[in-house]
Amino acid sequence: MIEAEVLGKCLIVEGFRGVKIDIIDRVINIIRANSGGCYVQILDADYIAGFEHIFFAVLNALKTFKAGYNISRSIPMEILLFASGQDQIKRAIEVLGVKETTRNVVLVIVARKRNEALSALGSIVKALGWEADQGVIEVSNEKVQRIIGAFKISPAELEASTRGSPEEAIKNVLIERAALLVAQR
C-alpha cells in the first residue's frame, strides 16, 4: 500500500495480482458498497506507469473539480480520464478500465481522512478476497511495449521525454499528457 496526501485528502493506492473478474458490474458494485463514502477507482495495472502516474492523475482530478473544469460528474471518473490521458470517457475506459480478462488491478482510494481510506480498502479487499501485491503498480520492462501501444506513444514523444530509462520516459510522457489535459480545458 502506498499513501500520500493530495490537496488535503488522503490517497491510498494498492495493487493486486492474479485477480479474477468474472462479471465487471459485480466487482464495481462490491467496490461501491464497501467504499464507505470514499472515492474509489479501479484501474488495469498492466497500463499503470508507477505511483507517480496515479498521484498526478488524482492531483489533476481534484484540481479540476475544485476549479469547476471537470468533464465527468465524479472524481473517480475524472481520475480515470487523467490516468488515461484522455478527455473522452469511452476511450479512457478502453485504455485503463478493467475487463473480464484483466488479472492485475490497482485500487485508488481518495478520502477526507486516512482512517476512512484504510477502512474502505479493508472492506473492499475482504469482500473481493484479493491479495495485495504492490509490484503491479510499478512500470516494468514487460509493461513498456504494452503501455506504448495502448497510449499510442510515438517514438518522438518517447525520445523527447527520455532522461533515463525507458520506464522513466513512459512515466514522464503519461504525466505530461495529464498536465496537457488540464491546459486544454
N, C-alpha and C. Protein backbone atom coordinates (compact mmCIF):
# COMPACT_ATOMS: atom_id res chain seq x y z
N MET A 1 0.84 -1.17 0.00
CA MET A 1 0.00 0.00 0.00
C MET A 1 0.89 1.24 0.00
N ILE A 2 0.51 2.18 -0.84
CA ILE A 2 1.24 3.45 -0.90
C ILE A 2 0.26 4.54 -0.47
N GLU A 3 0.75 5.42 0.38
CA GLU A 3 -0.09 6.51 0.89
C GLU A 3 0.54 7.85 0.55
N ALA A 4 -0.31 8.84 0.36
CA ALA A 4 0.16 10.21 0.15
C ALA A 4 -0.96 11.17 0.50
N GLU A 5 -0.61 12.42 0.70
CA GLU A 5 -1.61 13.46 0.88
C GLU A 5 -1.66 14.26 -0.41
N VAL A 6 -2.89 14.51 -0.87
CA VAL A 6 -3.09 15.27 -2.10
C VAL A 6 -4.16 16.32 -1.83
N LEU A 7 -3.76 17.57 -1.86
CA LEU A 7 -4.68 18.69 -1.63
C LEU A 7 -5.54 18.49 -0.39
N GLY A 8 -4.89 18.05 0.68
CA GLY A 8 -5.58 17.87 1.96
C GLY A 8 -6.39 16.59 2.08
N LYS A 9 -6.34 15.75 1.07
CA LYS A 9 -7.05 14.47 1.10
C LYS A 9 -6.03 13.34 1.25
N CYS A 10 -6.50 12.21 1.75
CA CYS A 10 -5.66 11.03 1.88
C CYS A 10 -5.81 10.18 0.62
N LEU A 11 -4.69 9.82 0.03
CA LEU A 11 -4.66 8.95 -1.14
C LEU A 11 -4.02 7.63 -0.74
N ILE A 12 -4.72 6.54 -1.02
CA ILE A 12 -4.17 5.20 -0.82
C ILE A 12 -4.25 4.47 -2.15
N VAL A 13 -3.13 3.85 -2.52
CA VAL A 13 -3.05 3.09 -3.76
C VAL A 13 -2.55 1.70 -3.41
N GLU A 14 -3.28 0.69 -3.87
CA GLU A 14 -2.88 -0.69 -3.62
C GLU A 14 -3.05 -1.50 -4.89
N GLY A 15 -2.08 -2.37 -5.13
CA GLY A 15 -2.12 -3.23 -6.30
C GLY A 15 -2.50 -4.66 -5.93
N PHE A 16 -3.04 -5.37 -6.91
CA PHE A 16 -3.45 -6.76 -6.71
C PHE A 16 -3.10 -7.55 -7.97
N ARG A 17 -2.46 -8.70 -7.77
CA ARG A 17 -2.03 -9.54 -8.90
C ARG A 17 -2.88 -10.82 -8.94
N GLY A 18 -3.19 -11.25 -10.16
CA GLY A 18 -3.87 -12.52 -10.35
C GLY A 18 -5.33 -12.54 -9.94
N VAL A 19 -6.00 -11.40 -10.04
CA VAL A 19 -7.41 -11.35 -9.67
C VAL A 19 -8.27 -11.96 -10.78
N LYS A 20 -9.45 -12.38 -10.40
CA LYS A 20 -10.40 -12.89 -11.39
C LYS A 20 -11.62 -12.00 -11.36
N ILE A 21 -11.89 -11.39 -12.50
CA ILE A 21 -13.05 -10.51 -12.63
C ILE A 21 -14.02 -11.22 -13.56
N ASP A 22 -14.92 -11.99 -12.98
CA ASP A 22 -15.86 -12.73 -13.81
C ASP A 22 -16.95 -11.84 -14.39
N ILE A 23 -17.48 -10.95 -13.55
CA ILE A 23 -18.52 -10.02 -14.01
C ILE A 23 -18.12 -8.64 -13.51
N ILE A 24 -17.80 -7.75 -14.42
CA ILE A 24 -17.30 -6.42 -14.07
C ILE A 24 -18.30 -5.66 -13.19
N ASP A 25 -19.56 -5.68 -13.56
CA ASP A 25 -20.57 -4.96 -12.77
C ASP A 25 -20.62 -5.45 -11.33
N ARG A 26 -20.44 -6.74 -11.13
CA ARG A 26 -20.45 -7.29 -9.76
C ARG A 26 -19.30 -6.71 -8.96
N VAL A 27 -18.11 -6.67 -9.54
CA VAL A 27 -16.93 -6.13 -8.86
C VAL A 27 -17.13 -4.64 -8.55
N ILE A 28 -17.62 -3.90 -9.51
CA ILE A 28 -17.87 -2.47 -9.30
C ILE A 28 -18.91 -2.24 -8.21
N ASN A 29 -19.96 -3.06 -8.19
CA ASN A 29 -20.99 -2.94 -7.15
C ASN A 29 -20.42 -3.27 -5.77
N ILE A 30 -19.55 -4.26 -5.68
CA ILE A 30 -18.91 -4.60 -4.41
C ILE A 30 -18.03 -3.44 -3.95
N ILE A 31 -17.29 -2.85 -4.87
CA ILE A 31 -16.43 -1.71 -4.52
C ILE A 31 -17.29 -0.55 -4.02
N ARG A 32 -18.34 -0.24 -4.74
CA ARG A 32 -19.24 0.87 -4.33
C ARG A 32 -19.85 0.60 -2.95
N ALA A 33 -20.30 -0.62 -2.73
CA ALA A 33 -20.96 -0.97 -1.47
C ALA A 33 -20.00 -0.91 -0.29
N ASN A 34 -18.72 -1.04 -0.55
CA ASN A 34 -17.73 -1.08 0.53
C ASN A 34 -16.83 0.15 0.57
N SER A 35 -17.17 1.18 -0.20
CA SER A 35 -16.30 2.36 -0.29
C SER A 35 -16.41 3.28 0.92
N GLY A 36 -17.50 3.16 1.68
CA GLY A 36 -17.65 3.96 2.88
C GLY A 36 -17.62 5.46 2.64
N GLY A 37 -18.11 5.90 1.51
CA GLY A 37 -18.12 7.33 1.22
C GLY A 37 -16.82 7.86 0.62
N CYS A 38 -15.85 6.99 0.42
CA CYS A 38 -14.58 7.40 -0.21
C CYS A 38 -14.74 7.36 -1.73
N TYR A 39 -13.86 8.07 -2.41
CA TYR A 39 -13.81 7.99 -3.86
C TYR A 39 -12.89 6.82 -4.21
N VAL A 40 -13.39 5.87 -4.99
CA VAL A 40 -12.60 4.68 -5.32
C VAL A 40 -12.64 4.46 -6.82
N GLN A 41 -11.46 4.23 -7.39
CA GLN A 41 -11.35 3.89 -8.81
C GLN A 41 -10.51 2.62 -8.92
N ILE A 42 -10.91 1.74 -9.83
CA ILE A 42 -10.16 0.52 -10.11
C ILE A 42 -9.60 0.65 -11.53
N LEU A 43 -8.30 0.38 -11.66
CA LEU A 43 -7.62 0.54 -12.94
C LEU A 43 -6.90 -0.75 -13.32
N ASP A 44 -6.70 -0.95 -14.60
CA ASP A 44 -5.92 -2.08 -15.10
C ASP A 44 -4.45 -1.78 -14.84
N ALA A 45 -3.84 -2.52 -13.94
CA ALA A 45 -2.46 -2.26 -13.52
C ALA A 45 -1.44 -2.49 -14.62
N ASP A 46 -1.79 -3.26 -15.62
CA ASP A 46 -0.86 -3.53 -16.72
C ASP A 46 -0.54 -2.29 -17.54
N TYR A 47 -1.31 -1.21 -17.33
CA TYR A 47 -1.10 0.03 -18.07
C TYR A 47 -0.80 1.21 -17.16
N ILE A 48 -0.38 0.91 -15.94
CA ILE A 48 -0.01 1.95 -14.98
C ILE A 48 1.50 2.05 -14.93
N ALA A 49 2.01 3.28 -15.02
CA ALA A 49 3.45 3.52 -15.06
C ALA A 49 3.97 4.04 -13.71
N GLY A 50 3.61 3.36 -12.65
CA GLY A 50 4.13 3.72 -11.33
C GLY A 50 3.21 4.61 -10.53
N PHE A 51 3.55 4.76 -9.24
CA PHE A 51 2.73 5.55 -8.33
C PHE A 51 2.59 6.99 -8.79
N GLU A 52 3.64 7.60 -9.32
CA GLU A 52 3.57 8.99 -9.75
C GLU A 52 2.51 9.20 -10.83
N HIS A 53 2.36 8.22 -11.70
CA HIS A 53 1.33 8.26 -12.74
C HIS A 53 -0.04 8.43 -12.08
N ILE A 54 -0.30 7.64 -11.05
CA ILE A 54 -1.58 7.72 -10.35
C ILE A 54 -1.68 9.01 -9.53
N PHE A 55 -0.60 9.35 -8.84
CA PHE A 55 -0.61 10.55 -7.99
C PHE A 55 -1.00 11.80 -8.79
N PHE A 56 -0.38 11.98 -9.94
CA PHE A 56 -0.68 13.17 -10.75
C PHE A 56 -2.07 13.11 -11.36
N ALA A 57 -2.57 11.92 -11.65
CA ALA A 57 -3.95 11.80 -12.14
C ALA A 57 -4.93 12.23 -11.04
N VAL A 58 -4.67 11.81 -9.81
CA VAL A 58 -5.52 12.20 -8.69
C VAL A 58 -5.41 13.71 -8.43
N LEU A 59 -4.19 14.22 -8.43
CA LEU A 59 -3.97 15.65 -8.21
C LEU A 59 -4.75 16.47 -9.24
N ASN A 60 -4.62 16.13 -10.51
CA ASN A 60 -5.31 16.86 -11.57
C ASN A 60 -6.83 16.72 -11.46
N ALA A 61 -7.30 15.54 -11.11
CA ALA A 61 -8.75 15.33 -10.96
C ALA A 61 -9.30 16.21 -9.84
N LEU A 62 -8.62 16.24 -8.71
CA LEU A 62 -9.09 17.06 -7.58
C LEU A 62 -9.03 18.55 -7.93
N LYS A 63 -7.98 18.96 -8.62
CA LYS A 63 -7.86 20.37 -9.00
C LYS A 63 -8.95 20.79 -9.97
N THR A 64 -9.25 19.94 -10.95
CA THR A 64 -10.29 20.33 -11.92
C THR A 64 -11.66 20.38 -11.28
N PHE A 65 -11.93 19.49 -10.34
CA PHE A 65 -13.21 19.55 -9.64
C PHE A 65 -13.30 20.82 -8.80
N LYS A 66 -12.21 21.14 -8.13
CA LYS A 66 -12.19 22.35 -7.29
C LYS A 66 -12.40 23.61 -8.13
N ALA A 67 -11.81 23.63 -9.32
CA ALA A 67 -11.91 24.80 -10.20
C ALA A 67 -13.16 24.78 -11.09
N GLY A 68 -13.88 23.66 -11.09
CA GLY A 68 -15.09 23.57 -11.90
C GLY A 68 -14.83 23.26 -13.37
N TYR A 69 -13.67 22.69 -13.68
CA TYR A 69 -13.33 22.35 -15.07
C TYR A 69 -13.46 20.86 -15.37
N ASN A 70 -14.07 20.12 -14.48
CA ASN A 70 -14.18 18.68 -14.66
C ASN A 70 -15.06 18.34 -15.86
N ILE A 71 -14.73 17.24 -16.51
CA ILE A 71 -15.51 16.74 -17.65
C ILE A 71 -16.59 15.79 -17.14
N SER A 72 -16.21 14.93 -16.21
CA SER A 72 -17.15 13.93 -15.70
C SER A 72 -17.89 14.47 -14.48
N ARG A 73 -18.82 13.65 -14.00
CA ARG A 73 -19.61 14.06 -12.83
C ARG A 73 -19.04 13.48 -11.53
N SER A 74 -17.97 12.67 -11.63
CA SER A 74 -17.44 12.05 -10.42
C SER A 74 -15.92 12.11 -10.39
N ILE A 75 -15.40 12.22 -9.20
CA ILE A 75 -13.94 12.25 -9.04
C ILE A 75 -13.30 10.94 -9.50
N PRO A 76 -13.85 9.77 -9.18
CA PRO A 76 -13.23 8.54 -9.71
C PRO A 76 -13.14 8.52 -11.24
N MET A 77 -14.17 8.98 -11.92
CA MET A 77 -14.12 9.00 -13.39
C MET A 77 -13.10 10.02 -13.88
N GLU A 78 -12.99 11.13 -13.17
CA GLU A 78 -12.01 12.15 -13.54
C GLU A 78 -10.58 11.60 -13.36
N ILE A 79 -10.38 10.80 -12.33
CA ILE A 79 -9.08 10.14 -12.12
C ILE A 79 -8.78 9.24 -13.30
N LEU A 80 -9.76 8.48 -13.74
CA LEU A 80 -9.58 7.60 -14.91
C LEU A 80 -9.22 8.41 -16.15
N LEU A 81 -9.90 9.53 -16.36
CA LEU A 81 -9.60 10.38 -17.52
C LEU A 81 -8.14 10.85 -17.49
N PHE A 82 -7.70 11.36 -16.34
CA PHE A 82 -6.32 11.85 -16.27
C PHE A 82 -5.30 10.73 -16.33
N ALA A 83 -5.57 9.61 -15.69
CA ALA A 83 -4.62 8.49 -15.74
C ALA A 83 -4.47 7.95 -17.16
N SER A 84 -5.56 8.01 -17.93
CA SER A 84 -5.52 7.51 -19.31
C SER A 84 -5.05 8.57 -20.30
N GLY A 85 -5.00 9.83 -19.85
CA GLY A 85 -4.61 10.92 -20.75
C GLY A 85 -5.66 11.21 -21.80
N GLN A 86 -6.90 10.88 -21.50
CA GLN A 86 -8.00 11.05 -22.46
C GLN A 86 -9.01 12.07 -21.96
N ASP A 87 -9.70 12.70 -22.89
CA ASP A 87 -10.79 13.59 -22.49
C ASP A 87 -12.15 12.99 -22.89
N GLN A 88 -12.14 11.75 -23.35
CA GLN A 88 -13.35 11.02 -23.69
C GLN A 88 -13.47 9.82 -22.76
N ILE A 89 -14.58 9.72 -22.04
CA ILE A 89 -14.76 8.65 -21.07
C ILE A 89 -14.67 7.28 -21.72
N LYS A 90 -15.30 7.11 -22.87
CA LYS A 90 -15.28 5.81 -23.57
C LYS A 90 -13.84 5.36 -23.87
N ARG A 91 -13.04 6.28 -24.38
CA ARG A 91 -11.65 5.94 -24.70
C ARG A 91 -10.85 5.68 -23.42
N ALA A 92 -11.10 6.43 -22.36
CA ALA A 92 -10.41 6.23 -21.09
C ALA A 92 -10.68 4.83 -20.55
N ILE A 93 -11.93 4.39 -20.66
CA ILE A 93 -12.28 3.05 -20.20
C ILE A 93 -11.60 1.99 -21.07
N GLU A 94 -11.52 2.23 -22.37
CA GLU A 94 -10.84 1.29 -23.26
C GLU A 94 -9.36 1.14 -22.88
N VAL A 95 -8.73 2.24 -22.49
CA VAL A 95 -7.30 2.23 -22.18
C VAL A 95 -7.02 1.63 -20.79
N LEU A 96 -7.70 2.11 -19.77
CA LEU A 96 -7.35 1.73 -18.39
C LEU A 96 -8.46 1.02 -17.61
N GLY A 97 -9.63 0.89 -18.20
CA GLY A 97 -10.72 0.23 -17.48
C GLY A 97 -10.48 -1.27 -17.36
N VAL A 98 -11.01 -1.86 -16.30
CA VAL A 98 -10.86 -3.30 -16.12
C VAL A 98 -11.84 -4.04 -17.02
N LYS A 99 -11.41 -5.23 -17.41
CA LYS A 99 -12.21 -6.09 -18.28
C LYS A 99 -12.23 -7.49 -17.66
N GLU A 100 -13.02 -8.39 -18.21
CA GLU A 100 -13.04 -9.76 -17.70
C GLU A 100 -11.67 -10.43 -17.80
N THR A 101 -10.85 -9.99 -18.74
CA THR A 101 -9.52 -10.58 -18.93
C THR A 101 -8.44 -9.94 -18.06
N THR A 102 -8.77 -8.86 -17.36
CA THR A 102 -7.81 -8.17 -16.51
C THR A 102 -7.43 -9.07 -15.34
N ARG A 103 -6.14 -9.18 -15.08
CA ARG A 103 -5.65 -10.01 -13.97
C ARG A 103 -4.91 -9.21 -12.91
N ASN A 104 -4.44 -8.02 -13.26
CA ASN A 104 -3.72 -7.17 -12.32
C ASN A 104 -4.43 -5.84 -12.23
N VAL A 105 -4.77 -5.43 -11.02
CA VAL A 105 -5.52 -4.19 -10.86
C VAL A 105 -4.88 -3.30 -9.80
N VAL A 106 -5.26 -2.04 -9.87
CA VAL A 106 -4.86 -1.04 -8.88
C VAL A 106 -6.14 -0.41 -8.34
N LEU A 107 -6.24 -0.36 -7.02
CA LEU A 107 -7.32 0.38 -6.38
C LEU A 107 -6.77 1.73 -5.96
N VAL A 108 -7.48 2.78 -6.33
CA VAL A 108 -7.12 4.16 -5.97
C VAL A 108 -8.23 4.66 -5.05
N ILE A 109 -7.86 5.02 -3.83
CA ILE A 109 -8.85 5.47 -2.85
C ILE A 109 -8.48 6.87 -2.38
N VAL A 110 -9.45 7.77 -2.46
CA VAL A 110 -9.27 9.15 -2.00
C VAL A 110 -10.32 9.40 -0.92
N ALA A 111 -9.85 9.89 0.22
CA ALA A 111 -10.77 10.12 1.35
C ALA A 111 -10.39 11.40 2.08
N ARG A 112 -11.33 11.87 2.89
CA ARG A 112 -11.05 13.05 3.71
C ARG A 112 -10.01 12.72 4.78
N LYS A 113 -10.12 11.51 5.35
CA LYS A 113 -9.24 11.10 6.44
C LYS A 113 -8.62 9.74 6.15
N ARG A 114 -7.44 9.53 6.70
CA ARG A 114 -6.70 8.29 6.49
C ARG A 114 -7.50 7.07 6.96
N ASN A 115 -8.11 7.17 8.14
CA ASN A 115 -8.83 6.01 8.67
C ASN A 115 -10.01 5.63 7.77
N GLU A 116 -10.63 6.60 7.12
CA GLU A 116 -11.72 6.30 6.18
C GLU A 116 -11.20 5.52 4.98
N ALA A 117 -10.05 5.95 4.46
CA ALA A 117 -9.45 5.28 3.30
C ALA A 117 -9.02 3.86 3.66
N LEU A 118 -8.41 3.70 4.83
CA LEU A 118 -7.97 2.37 5.27
C LEU A 118 -9.16 1.44 5.49
N SER A 119 -10.23 1.98 6.05
CA SER A 119 -11.43 1.19 6.28
C SER A 119 -12.04 0.74 4.96
N ALA A 120 -12.11 1.64 4.00
CA ALA A 120 -12.65 1.30 2.67
C ALA A 120 -11.79 0.22 2.02
N LEU A 121 -10.48 0.39 2.06
CA LEU A 121 -9.58 -0.60 1.46
C LEU A 121 -9.79 -1.97 2.12
N GLY A 122 -9.83 -1.99 3.44
CA GLY A 122 -10.03 -3.26 4.16
C GLY A 122 -11.34 -3.93 3.80
N SER A 123 -12.41 -3.16 3.74
CA SER A 123 -13.73 -3.71 3.40
C SER A 123 -13.77 -4.25 1.98
N ILE A 124 -13.18 -3.50 1.04
CA ILE A 124 -13.18 -3.93 -0.36
C ILE A 124 -12.37 -5.21 -0.52
N VAL A 125 -11.18 -5.24 0.08
CA VAL A 125 -10.31 -6.42 -0.04
C VAL A 125 -10.98 -7.64 0.58
N LYS A 126 -11.59 -7.45 1.72
CA LYS A 126 -12.28 -8.57 2.39
C LYS A 126 -13.43 -9.08 1.52
N ALA A 127 -14.21 -8.17 0.96
CA ALA A 127 -15.37 -8.57 0.14
C ALA A 127 -14.95 -9.28 -1.15
N LEU A 128 -13.83 -8.85 -1.73
CA LEU A 128 -13.39 -9.44 -3.00
C LEU A 128 -12.43 -10.61 -2.81
N GLY A 129 -11.79 -10.69 -1.66
CA GLY A 129 -10.86 -11.78 -1.39
C GLY A 129 -9.55 -11.68 -2.16
N TRP A 130 -9.15 -10.48 -2.51
CA TRP A 130 -7.93 -10.29 -3.27
C TRP A 130 -6.73 -10.15 -2.33
N GLU A 131 -5.55 -10.54 -2.84
CA GLU A 131 -4.32 -10.39 -2.07
C GLU A 131 -3.48 -9.29 -2.69
N ALA A 132 -3.01 -8.41 -1.84
CA ALA A 132 -2.26 -7.24 -2.30
C ALA A 132 -0.89 -7.62 -2.86
N ASP A 133 -0.48 -6.87 -3.88
CA ASP A 133 0.85 -7.01 -4.48
C ASP A 133 1.20 -5.67 -5.13
N GLN A 134 1.98 -4.87 -4.40
CA GLN A 134 2.36 -3.54 -4.90
C GLN A 134 3.16 -3.59 -6.18
N GLY A 135 3.79 -4.69 -6.46
CA GLY A 135 4.63 -4.81 -7.64
C GLY A 135 3.91 -4.50 -8.95
N VAL A 136 2.60 -4.70 -8.99
CA VAL A 136 1.86 -4.46 -10.23
C VAL A 136 1.73 -2.97 -10.55
N ILE A 137 2.00 -2.12 -9.56
CA ILE A 137 1.88 -0.67 -9.77
C ILE A 137 3.05 -0.14 -10.58
N GLU A 138 4.23 -0.66 -10.32
CA GLU A 138 5.44 -0.13 -10.95
C GLU A 138 5.53 -0.52 -12.42
N VAL A 139 6.14 0.37 -13.18
CA VAL A 139 6.36 0.09 -14.60
C VAL A 139 7.56 -0.85 -14.70
N SER A 140 7.43 -1.85 -15.57
CA SER A 140 8.49 -2.85 -15.75
C SER A 140 8.80 -2.97 -17.23
N ASN A 141 9.88 -3.70 -17.52
CA ASN A 141 10.21 -3.96 -18.92
C ASN A 141 9.05 -4.62 -19.65
N GLU A 142 8.34 -5.52 -18.96
CA GLU A 142 7.20 -6.21 -19.56
C GLU A 142 6.09 -5.25 -19.96
N LYS A 143 5.91 -4.20 -19.16
CA LYS A 143 4.82 -3.25 -19.41
C LYS A 143 5.14 -2.22 -20.49
N VAL A 144 6.42 -1.97 -20.74
CA VAL A 144 6.82 -0.86 -21.61
C VAL A 144 6.11 -0.89 -22.96
N GLN A 145 6.23 -1.98 -23.70
CA GLN A 145 5.63 -2.05 -25.04
C GLN A 145 4.11 -2.01 -24.97
N ARG A 146 3.53 -2.64 -23.96
CA ARG A 146 2.08 -2.65 -23.78
C ARG A 146 1.56 -1.23 -23.57
N ILE A 147 2.26 -0.45 -22.73
CA ILE A 147 1.84 0.93 -22.45
C ILE A 147 2.03 1.80 -23.68
N ILE A 148 3.16 1.64 -24.37
CA ILE A 148 3.42 2.41 -25.59
C ILE A 148 2.29 2.20 -26.60
N GLY A 149 1.86 0.94 -26.77
CA GLY A 149 0.79 0.63 -27.71
C GLY A 149 -0.56 1.17 -27.27
N ALA A 150 -0.91 0.95 -26.02
CA ALA A 150 -2.22 1.37 -25.53
C ALA A 150 -2.38 2.89 -25.52
N PHE A 151 -1.31 3.59 -25.17
CA PHE A 151 -1.38 5.05 -25.08
C PHE A 151 -0.94 5.74 -26.38
N LYS A 152 -0.57 4.91 -27.37
CA LYS A 152 -0.15 5.42 -28.68
C LYS A 152 0.97 6.47 -28.53
N ILE A 153 2.01 6.06 -27.80
CA ILE A 153 3.16 6.94 -27.58
C ILE A 153 4.09 6.81 -28.78
N SER A 154 4.35 7.92 -29.44
CA SER A 154 5.20 7.89 -30.63
C SER A 154 6.67 7.82 -30.23
N PRO A 155 7.53 7.32 -31.12
CA PRO A 155 8.96 7.30 -30.82
C PRO A 155 9.50 8.70 -30.52
N ALA A 156 9.01 9.70 -31.23
CA ALA A 156 9.47 11.08 -31.00
C ALA A 156 9.08 11.56 -29.61
N GLU A 157 7.85 11.26 -29.20
CA GLU A 157 7.38 11.65 -27.87
C GLU A 157 8.19 10.95 -26.78
N LEU A 158 8.47 9.69 -27.01
CA LEU A 158 9.26 8.92 -26.04
C LEU A 158 10.68 9.46 -25.95
N GLU A 159 11.27 9.75 -27.10
CA GLU A 159 12.63 10.28 -27.14
C GLU A 159 12.72 11.64 -26.45
N ALA A 160 11.72 12.48 -26.64
CA ALA A 160 11.72 13.81 -26.03
C ALA A 160 11.63 13.75 -24.51
N SER A 161 11.08 12.65 -23.99
CA SER A 161 10.91 12.51 -22.54
C SER A 161 11.98 11.63 -21.91
N THR A 162 12.89 11.12 -22.69
CA THR A 162 13.90 10.22 -22.16
C THR A 162 14.97 11.01 -21.41
N ARG A 163 14.99 10.78 -20.11
CA ARG A 163 16.01 11.38 -19.25
C ARG A 163 16.73 10.28 -18.48
N GLY A 164 16.36 9.08 -18.77
CA GLY A 164 16.92 7.93 -18.08
C GLY A 164 16.47 6.67 -18.76
N SER A 165 15.83 5.81 -18.02
CA SER A 165 15.38 4.53 -18.54
C SER A 165 14.09 4.70 -19.36
N PRO A 166 13.78 3.70 -20.19
CA PRO A 166 12.51 3.73 -20.92
C PRO A 166 11.30 3.79 -19.97
N GLU A 167 11.43 3.14 -18.83
CA GLU A 167 10.34 3.15 -17.84
C GLU A 167 10.08 4.57 -17.34
N GLU A 168 11.15 5.31 -17.05
CA GLU A 168 11.02 6.71 -16.60
C GLU A 168 10.44 7.58 -17.72
N ALA A 169 10.87 7.33 -18.94
CA ALA A 169 10.38 8.11 -20.08
C ALA A 169 8.87 7.93 -20.24
N ILE A 170 8.40 6.70 -20.13
CA ILE A 170 6.97 6.43 -20.27
C ILE A 170 6.19 7.13 -19.16
N LYS A 171 6.69 7.03 -17.94
CA LYS A 171 6.04 7.70 -16.81
C LYS A 171 5.96 9.20 -17.06
N ASN A 172 7.05 9.78 -17.55
CA ASN A 172 7.08 11.22 -17.83
C ASN A 172 6.08 11.61 -18.92
N VAL A 173 5.99 10.80 -19.96
CA VAL A 173 5.05 11.08 -21.05
C VAL A 173 3.61 11.08 -20.52
N LEU A 174 3.27 10.10 -19.71
CA LEU A 174 1.90 10.00 -19.21
C LEU A 174 1.56 11.13 -18.25
N ILE A 175 2.51 11.54 -17.43
CA ILE A 175 2.29 12.67 -16.52
C ILE A 175 2.13 13.96 -17.32
N GLU A 176 2.96 14.14 -18.35
CA GLU A 176 2.86 15.33 -19.20
C GLU A 176 1.52 15.38 -19.95
N ARG A 177 1.06 14.23 -20.42
CA ARG A 177 -0.23 14.19 -21.12
C ARG A 177 -1.37 14.61 -20.19
N ALA A 178 -1.31 14.14 -18.95
CA ALA A 178 -2.35 14.53 -17.98
C ALA A 178 -2.32 16.03 -17.74
N ALA A 179 -1.11 16.59 -17.64
CA ALA A 179 -0.98 18.04 -17.44
C ALA A 179 -1.53 18.81 -18.65
N LEU A 180 -1.32 18.28 -19.84
CA LEU A 180 -1.85 18.93 -21.04
C LEU A 180 -3.37 18.91 -21.07
N LEU A 181 -3.98 17.85 -20.52
CA LEU A 181 -5.44 17.81 -20.45
C LEU A 181 -5.98 18.98 -19.63
N VAL A 182 -5.29 19.28 -18.54
CA VAL A 182 -5.70 20.42 -17.71
C VAL A 182 -5.60 21.70 -18.52
N ALA A 183 -4.52 21.88 -19.23
CA ALA A 183 -4.30 23.10 -20.01
C ALA A 183 -5.34 23.25 -21.13
N GLN A 184 -5.78 22.14 -21.69
CA GLN A 184 -6.75 22.18 -22.78
C GLN A 184 -8.16 22.56 -22.33
N ARG A 185 -8.42 22.44 -21.04
CA ARG A 185 -9.76 22.75 -20.53
C ARG A 185 -9.83 24.21 -20.32
